[in-house]
Amino acid sequence: MKFLFTPSSHFNLANMFTFVNITSGLLATFFTIQNNYVVAIIFAWIAGAFDIFDGKIARKYNLSNEFGIQLDSFADFLSFVLVPVFFIFQAIYSQSLSGLGLILAGIVSVYYVISGLRRLIEFNINSDVGEVEKYFVGVPTPMGAILLFVTYLAYNYLALPALGVIVFMILIAWSLNSKIKVKHL
């Protein structure tokens, strides 16, 4: 079990938490395909919890390494970019839009994915192993995912129209690469 506390191990404790994040993201996707949105959201939130803890564990036990940084961003891309976009598309756009509206939703969804990917690549390029900045510049992808899920709730419970969801998705995608400063937890 020494490998769990060895910084150079690809299977150290922090990375194991990241693997659970990835698994939860995959399960969220599976349940989205099954139109079981409640369970999909639960797995998306589990992914978020493990994303918080993997970084805290890496810093506490000095387990940060380049592999972990890359793995974390891959997990973030899956769980906090692809999963919420796929969820919104499946739960809202494909159910309530057709024709040009659905094409627009598809274009905006691709814009969101590219914005999230760009943000994560930029973050990796500017990250130093073991260092944590006081502020994120731009909205972090986990917060973007939370905002998309809140938008889904607004659609479901506050009668936000699907075109309103598209507008919010554009704004959230833009915010990922903006100059907005968000305090690091």
C-alpha atoms as a PDB file:
ATOM      1  CA  MET A   1       0.000   0.000   0.000  1.00  0.00           C
ATOM      2  CA  LYS A   2       3.069   2.235  -0.029  1.00  0.00           C
ATOM      3  CA  PHE A   3       2.174   3.218  -3.619  1.00  0.00           C
ATOM      4  CA  LEU A   4      -0.814   5.174  -2.260  1.00  0.00           C
ATOM      5  CA  PHE A   5       1.543   7.668  -0.623  1.00  0.00           C
ATOM      6  CA  THR A   6       4.265   7.703  -3.295  1.00  0.00           C
ATOM      7  CA  PRO A   7       4.153  10.940  -5.320  1.00  0.00           C
ATOM      8  CA  SER A   8       5.511   9.284  -8.478  1.00  0.00           C
ATOM      9  CA  SER A   9       2.878   6.518  -8.434  1.00  0.00           C
ATOM     10  CA  HIS A  10       0.112   6.884 -10.999  1.00  0.00           C
ATOM     11  CA  PHE A  11      -2.105   5.123  -8.464  1.00  0.00           C
ATOM     12  CA  ASN A  12      -1.375   7.286  -5.432  1.00  0.00           C
ATOM     13  CA  LEU A  13      -4.242   8.227  -3.145  1.00  0.00           C
ATOM     14  CA  ALA A  14      -4.948  11.573  -4.816  1.00  0.00           C
ATOM     15  CA  ASN A  15      -5.080   9.975  -8.258  1.00  0.00           C
ATOM     16  CA  MET A  16      -7.351   7.214  -6.962  1.00  0.00           C
ATOM     17  CA  PHE A  17      -9.817   9.931  -5.932  1.00  0.00           C
ATOM     18  CA  THR A  18      -9.520  11.367  -9.449  1.00  0.00           C
ATOM     19  CA  PHE A  19     -10.279   7.926 -10.908  1.00  0.00           C
ATOM     20  CA  VAL A  20     -13.479   7.858  -8.827  1.00  0.00           C
ATOM     21  CA  ASN A  21     -14.316  11.291 -10.282  1.00  0.00           C
ATOM     22  CA  ILE A  22     -13.878   9.831 -13.796  1.00  0.00           C
ATOM     23  CA  THR A  23     -15.966   6.770 -12.935  1.00  0.00           C
ATOM     24  CA  SER A  24     -18.727   8.985 -11.543  1.00  0.00           C
ATOM     25  CA  GLY A  25     -18.672  11.093 -14.716  1.00  0.00           C
ATOM     26  CA  LEU A  26     -19.033   7.978 -16.843  1.00  0.00           C
ATOM     27  CA  LEU A  27     -21.913   6.758 -14.689  1.00  0.00           C
ATOM     28  CA  ALA A  28     -23.587  10.179 -14.951  1.00  0.00           C
ATOM     29  CA  THR A  29     -23.360   9.844 -18.729  1.00  0.00           C
ATOM     30  CA  PHE A  30     -24.846   6.347 -18.627  1.00  0.00           C
ATOM     31  CA  PHE A  31     -27.803   7.458 -16.515  1.00  0.00           C
ATOM     32  CA  THR A  32     -28.329  10.500 -18.744  1.00  0.00           C
ATOM     33  CA  ILE A  33     -28.624   8.158 -21.732  1.00  0.00           C
ATOM     34  CA  GLN A  34     -31.217   6.189 -19.738  1.00  0.00           C
ATOM     35  CA  ASN A  35     -33.128   9.462 -19.084  1.00  0.00           C
ATOM     36  CA  ASN A  36     -32.623   8.899 -15.358  1.00  0.00           C
ATOM     37  CA  TYR A  37     -31.686  12.489 -14.649  1.00  0.00           C
ATOM     38  CA  VAL A  38     -31.866  12.350 -10.857  1.00  0.00           C
ATOM     39  CA  VAL A  39     -29.287   9.539 -10.647  1.00  0.00           C
ATOM     40  CA  ALA A  40     -27.172  11.263 -13.325  1.00  0.00           C
ATOM     41  CA  ILE A  41     -27.087  14.440 -11.235  1.00  0.00           C
ATOM     42  CA  ILE A  42     -26.183  12.448  -8.112  1.00  0.00           C
ATOM     43  CA  PHE A  43     -23.182  10.943  -9.904  1.00  0.00           C
ATOM     44  CA  ALA A  44     -22.213  14.367 -11.250  1.00  0.00           C
ATOM     45  CA  TRP A  45     -22.194  15.686  -7.662  1.00  0.00           C
ATOM     46  CA  ILE A  46     -20.166  12.668  -6.493  1.00  0.00           C
ATOM     47  CA  ALA A  47     -17.640  13.523  -9.222  1.00  0.00           C
ATOM     48  CA  GLY A  48     -17.525  17.062  -7.841  1.00  0.00           C
ATOM     49  CA  ALA A  49     -16.903  15.870  -4.293  1.00  0.00           C
ATOM     50  CA  PHE A  50     -14.028  13.648  -5.377  1.00  0.00           C
ATOM     51  CA  ASP A  51     -12.598  16.531  -7.431  1.00  0.00           C
ATOM     52  CA  ILE A  52     -12.433  18.649  -4.291  1.00  0.00           C
ATOM     53  CA  PHE A  53     -10.809  15.913  -2.232  1.00  0.00           C
ATOM     54  CA  ASP A  54      -8.216  14.778  -4.790  1.00  0.00           C
ATOM     55  CA  GLY A  55      -6.536  18.183  -4.715  1.00  0.00           C
ATOM     56  CA  LYS A  56      -6.703  18.465  -0.938  1.00  0.00           C
ATOM     57  CA  ILE A  57      -5.186  14.990  -0.543  1.00  0.00           C
ATOM     58  CA  ALA A  58      -2.473  15.740  -3.101  1.00  0.00           C
ATOM     59  CA  ARG A  59      -1.452  18.869  -1.195  1.00  0.00           C
ATOM     60  CA  LYS A  60      -1.752  17.357   2.290  1.00  0.00           C
ATOM     61  CA  TYR A  61       0.374  14.288   1.482  1.00  0.00           C
ATOM     62  CA  ASN A  62       2.645  16.006  -1.062  1.00  0.00           C
ATOM     63  CA  LEU A  63       1.420  13.739  -3.868  1.00  0.00           C
ATOM     64  CA  SER A  64       1.237  16.370  -6.625  1.00  0.00           C
ATOM     65  CA  ASN A  65       2.938  15.469  -9.870  1.00  0.00           C
ATOM     66  CA  GLU A  66       2.592  16.225 -13.568  1.00  0.00           C
ATOM     67  CA  PHE A  67       0.598  13.020 -14.186  1.00  0.00           C
ATOM     68  CA  GLY A  68      -1.900  14.039 -11.503  1.00  0.00           C
ATOM     69  CA  ILE A  69      -2.307  17.520 -12.985  1.00  0.00           C
ATOM     70  CA  GLN A  70      -3.059  16.065 -16.417  1.00  0.00           C
ATOM     71  CA  LEU A  71      -5.323  13.354 -14.981  1.00  0.00           C
ATOM     72  CA  ASP A  72      -7.281  15.928 -12.966  1.00  0.00           C
ATOM     73  CA  SER A  73      -7.886  18.053 -16.046  1.00  0.00           C
ATOM     74  CA  PHE A  74      -9.006  15.011 -18.020  1.00  0.00           C
ATOM     75  CA  ALA A  75     -11.437  14.177 -15.211  1.00  0.00           C
ATOM     76  CA  ASP A  76     -12.630  17.796 -15.140  1.00  0.00           C
ATOM     77  CA  PHE A  77     -13.181  17.741 -18.897  1.00  0.00           C
ATOM     78  CA  LEU A  78     -15.277  14.613 -18.649  1.00  0.00           C
ATOM     79  CA  SER A  79     -17.212  15.354 -15.456  1.00  0.00           C
ATOM     80  CA  PHE A  80     -17.588  19.141 -15.658  1.00  0.00           C
ATOM     81  CA  VAL A  81     -17.645  19.877 -19.376  1.00  0.00           C
ATOM     82  CA  LEU A  82     -18.894  16.851 -21.332  1.00  0.00           C
ATOM     83  CA  VAL A  83     -21.310  15.474 -18.732  1.00  0.00           C
ATOM     84  CA  PRO A  84     -23.284  18.698 -18.115  1.00  0.00           C
ATOM     85  CA  VAL A  85     -23.381  19.594 -21.819  1.00  0.00           C
ATOM     86  CA  PHE A  86     -24.565  16.114 -22.731  1.00  0.00           C
ATOM     87  CA  PHE A  87     -27.058  16.241 -19.851  1.00  0.00           C
ATOM     88  CA  ILE A  88     -28.484  19.616 -20.964  1.00  0.00           C
ATOM     89  CA  PHE A  89     -28.667  18.444 -24.572  1.00  0.00           C
ATOM     90  CA  GLN A  90     -30.433  15.203 -23.655  1.00  0.00           C
ATOM     91  CA  ALA A  91     -32.714  16.571 -20.919  1.00  0.00           C
ATOM     92  CA  ILE A  92     -33.690  19.868 -22.547  1.00  0.00           C
ATOM     93  CA  TYR A  93     -32.652  20.491 -26.125  1.00  0.00           C
ATOM     94  CA  SER A  94     -33.532  17.121 -27.657  1.00  0.00           C
ATOM     95  CA  GLN A  95     -36.898  17.130 -25.830  1.00  0.00           C
ATOM     96  CA  SER A  96     -38.053  20.672 -26.567  1.00  0.00           C
ATOM     97  CA  LEU A  97     -36.266  21.938 -29.682  1.00  0.00           C
ATOM     98  CA  SER A  98     -36.325  20.959 -33.334  1.00  0.00           C
ATOM     99  CA  GLY A  99     -35.107  22.321 -36.632  1.00  0.00           C
ATOM    100  CA  LEU A 100     -33.010  25.476 -36.418  1.00  0.00           C
ATOM    101  CA  GLY A 101     -33.404  25.669 -32.633  1.00  0.00           C
ATOM    102  CA  LEU A 102     -31.816  22.225 -32.244  1.00  0.00           C
ATOM    103  CA  ILE A 103     -29.023  23.153 -34.661  1.00  0.00           C
ATOM    104  CA  LEU A 104     -28.371  26.338 -32.653  1.00  0.00           C
ATOM    105  CA  ALA A 105     -28.339  24.278 -29.434  1.00  0.00           C
ATOM    106  CA  GLY A 106     -25.815  21.920 -31.031  1.00  0.00           C
ATOM    107  CA  ILE A 107     -23.549  24.804 -32.070  1.00  0.00           C
ATOM    108  CA  VAL A 108     -23.740  26.371 -28.607  1.00  0.00           C
ATOM    109  CA  SER A 109     -23.019  22.985 -27.001  1.00  0.00           C
ATOM    110  CA  VAL A 110     -19.887  22.596 -29.134  1.00  0.00           C
ATOM    111  CA  TYR A 111     -18.886  26.165 -28.185  1.00  0.00           C
ATOM    112  CA  TYR A 112     -19.226  25.240 -24.515  1.00  0.00           C
ATOM    113  CA  VAL A 113     -17.117  22.084 -24.948  1.00  0.00           C
ATOM    114  CA  ILE A 114     -14.381  23.993 -26.789  1.00  0.00           C
ATOM    115  CA  SER A 115     -14.463  26.764 -24.142  1.00  0.00           C
ATOM    116  CA  GLY A 116     -14.129  24.215 -21.338  1.00  0.00           C
ATOM    117  CA  LEU A 117     -11.317  22.379 -23.096  1.00  0.00           C
ATOM    118  CA  ARG A 118      -9.481  25.628 -23.798  1.00  0.00           C
ATOM    119  CA  ARG A 119      -9.795  26.652 -20.165  1.00  0.00           C
ATOM    120  CA  LEU A 120      -8.392  23.345 -18.910  1.00  0.00           C
ATOM    121  CA  ILE A 121      -5.485  23.371 -21.375  1.00  0.00           C
ATOM    122  CA  GLU A 122      -4.644  26.951 -20.420  1.00  0.00           C
ATOM    123  CA  PHE A 123      -4.814  25.978 -16.741  1.00  0.00           C
ATOM    124  CA  ASN A 124      -2.428  23.049 -17.294  1.00  0.00           C
ATOM    125  CA  ILE A 125       0.050  25.166 -19.241  1.00  0.00           C
ATOM    126  CA  ASN A 126       0.174  27.700 -16.413  1.00  0.00           C
ATOM    127  CA  SER A 127       0.163  25.224 -13.482  1.00  0.00           C
ATOM    128  CA  ASP A 128       3.160  24.385 -11.373  1.00  0.00           C
ATOM    129  CA  VAL A 129       3.214  21.070  -9.512  1.00  0.00           C
ATOM    130  CA  GLY A 130       2.193  21.547  -5.871  1.00  0.00           C
ATOM    131  CA  GLU A 131       1.291  25.242  -6.210  1.00  0.00           C
ATOM    132  CA  VAL A 132      -2.190  26.658  -5.791  1.00  0.00           C
ATOM    133  CA  GLU A 133      -3.096  30.173  -6.834  1.00  0.00           C
ATOM    134  CA  LYS A 134      -5.257  32.312  -4.564  1.00  0.00           C
ATOM    135  CA  TYR A 135      -7.705  33.038  -7.385  1.00  0.00           C
ATOM    136  CA  PHE A 136      -8.771  31.319 -10.585  1.00  0.00           C
ATOM    137  CA  VAL A 137      -8.918  33.626 -13.589  1.00  0.00           C
ATOM    138  CA  GLY A 138     -12.114  32.669 -15.356  1.00  0.00           C
ATOM    139  CA  VAL A 139     -14.843  30.502 -13.920  1.00  0.00           C
ATOM    140  CA  PRO A 140     -13.490  27.006 -13.138  1.00  0.00           C
ATOM    141  CA  THR A 141     -15.135  24.142 -15.030  1.00  0.00           C
ATOM    142  CA  PRO A 142     -16.691  22.599 -11.878  1.00  0.00           C
ATOM    143  CA  MET A 143     -18.428  25.918 -11.168  1.00  0.00           C
ATOM    144  CA  GLY A 144     -19.507  26.094 -14.810  1.00  0.00           C
ATOM    145  CA  ALA A 145     -21.059  22.634 -14.409  1.00  0.00           C
ATOM    146  CA  ILE A 146     -22.904  23.750 -11.282  1.00  0.00           C
ATOM    147  CA  LEU A 147     -24.236  26.773 -13.166  1.00  0.00           C
ATOM    148  CA  LEU A 148     -25.443  24.533 -16.003  1.00  0.00           C
ATOM    149  CA  PHE A 149     -27.225  22.238 -13.549  1.00  0.00           C
ATOM    150  CA  VAL A 150     -28.832  25.303 -11.904  1.00  0.00           C
ATOM    151  CA  THR A 151     -29.959  26.346 -15.389  1.00  0.00           C
ATOM    152  CA  TYR A 152     -31.524  22.902 -15.788  1.00  0.00           C
ATOM    153  CA  LEU A 153     -33.399  23.436 -12.501  1.00  0.00           C
ATOM    154  CA  ALA A 154     -34.566  26.854 -13.735  1.00  0.00           C
ATOM    155  CA  TYR A 155     -35.834  25.193 -16.912  1.00  0.00           C
ATOM    156  CA  ASN A 156     -37.644  22.495 -14.931  1.00  0.00           C
ATOM    157  CA  TYR A 157     -39.040  24.491 -12.022  1.00  0.00           C
ATOM    158  CA  LEU A 158     -39.108  28.136 -13.103  1.00  0.00           C
ATOM    159  CA  ALA A 159     -40.248  27.616 -16.695  1.00  0.00           C
ATOM    160  CA  LEU A 160     -37.048  29.004 -18.240  1.00  0.00           C
ATOM    161  CA  PRO A 161     -37.526  28.368 -21.975  1.00  0.00           C
ATOM    162  CA  ALA A 162     -35.018  26.234 -23.896  1.00  0.00           C
ATOM    163  CA  LEU A 163     -33.808  29.329 -25.755  1.00  0.00           C
ATOM    164  CA  GLY A 164     -33.113  30.901 -22.360  1.00  0.00           C
ATOM    165  CA  VAL A 165     -31.013  27.837 -21.502  1.00  0.00           C
ATOM    166  CA  ILE A 166     -29.053  28.439 -24.714  1.00  0.00           C
ATOM    167  CA  VAL A 167     -28.372  32.040 -23.680  1.00  0.00           C
ATOM    168  CA  PHE A 168     -27.179  30.938 -20.231  1.00  0.00           C
ATOM    169  CA  MET A 169     -24.975  28.250 -21.790  1.00  0.00           C
ATOM    170  CA  ILE A 170     -23.330  30.891 -24.001  1.00  0.00           C
ATOM    171  CA  LEU A 171     -22.719  33.173 -21.002  1.00  0.00           C
ATOM    172  CA  ILE A 172     -21.313  30.364 -18.847  1.00  0.00           C
ATOM    173  CA  ALA A 173     -19.071  29.183 -21.704  1.00  0.00           C
ATOM    174  CA  TRP A 174     -17.777  32.720 -22.135  1.00  0.00           C
ATOM    175  CA  SER A 175     -17.133  33.039 -18.382  1.00  0.00           C
ATOM    176  CA  LEU A 176     -14.838  29.982 -18.395  1.00  0.00           C
ATOM    177  CA  ASN A 177     -12.197  31.977 -20.294  1.00  0.00           C
ATOM    178  CA  SER A 178     -13.040  35.442 -19.006  1.00  0.00           C
ATOM    179  CA  LYS A 179     -11.004  37.665 -16.690  1.00  0.00           C
ATOM    180  CA  ILE A 180     -13.464  37.042 -13.837  1.00  0.00           C
ATOM    181  CA  LYS A 181     -11.560  36.205 -10.640  1.00  0.00           C
ATOM    182  CA  VAL A 182     -12.893  33.359  -8.510  1.00  0.00           C
ATOM    183  CA  LYS A 183     -11.404  32.629  -5.098  1.00  0.00           C
ATOM    184  CA  HIS A 184      -9.783  29.211  -4.827  1.00  0.00           C
ATOM    185  CA  LEU A 185     -11.254  27.093  -2.021  1.00  0.00           C
END
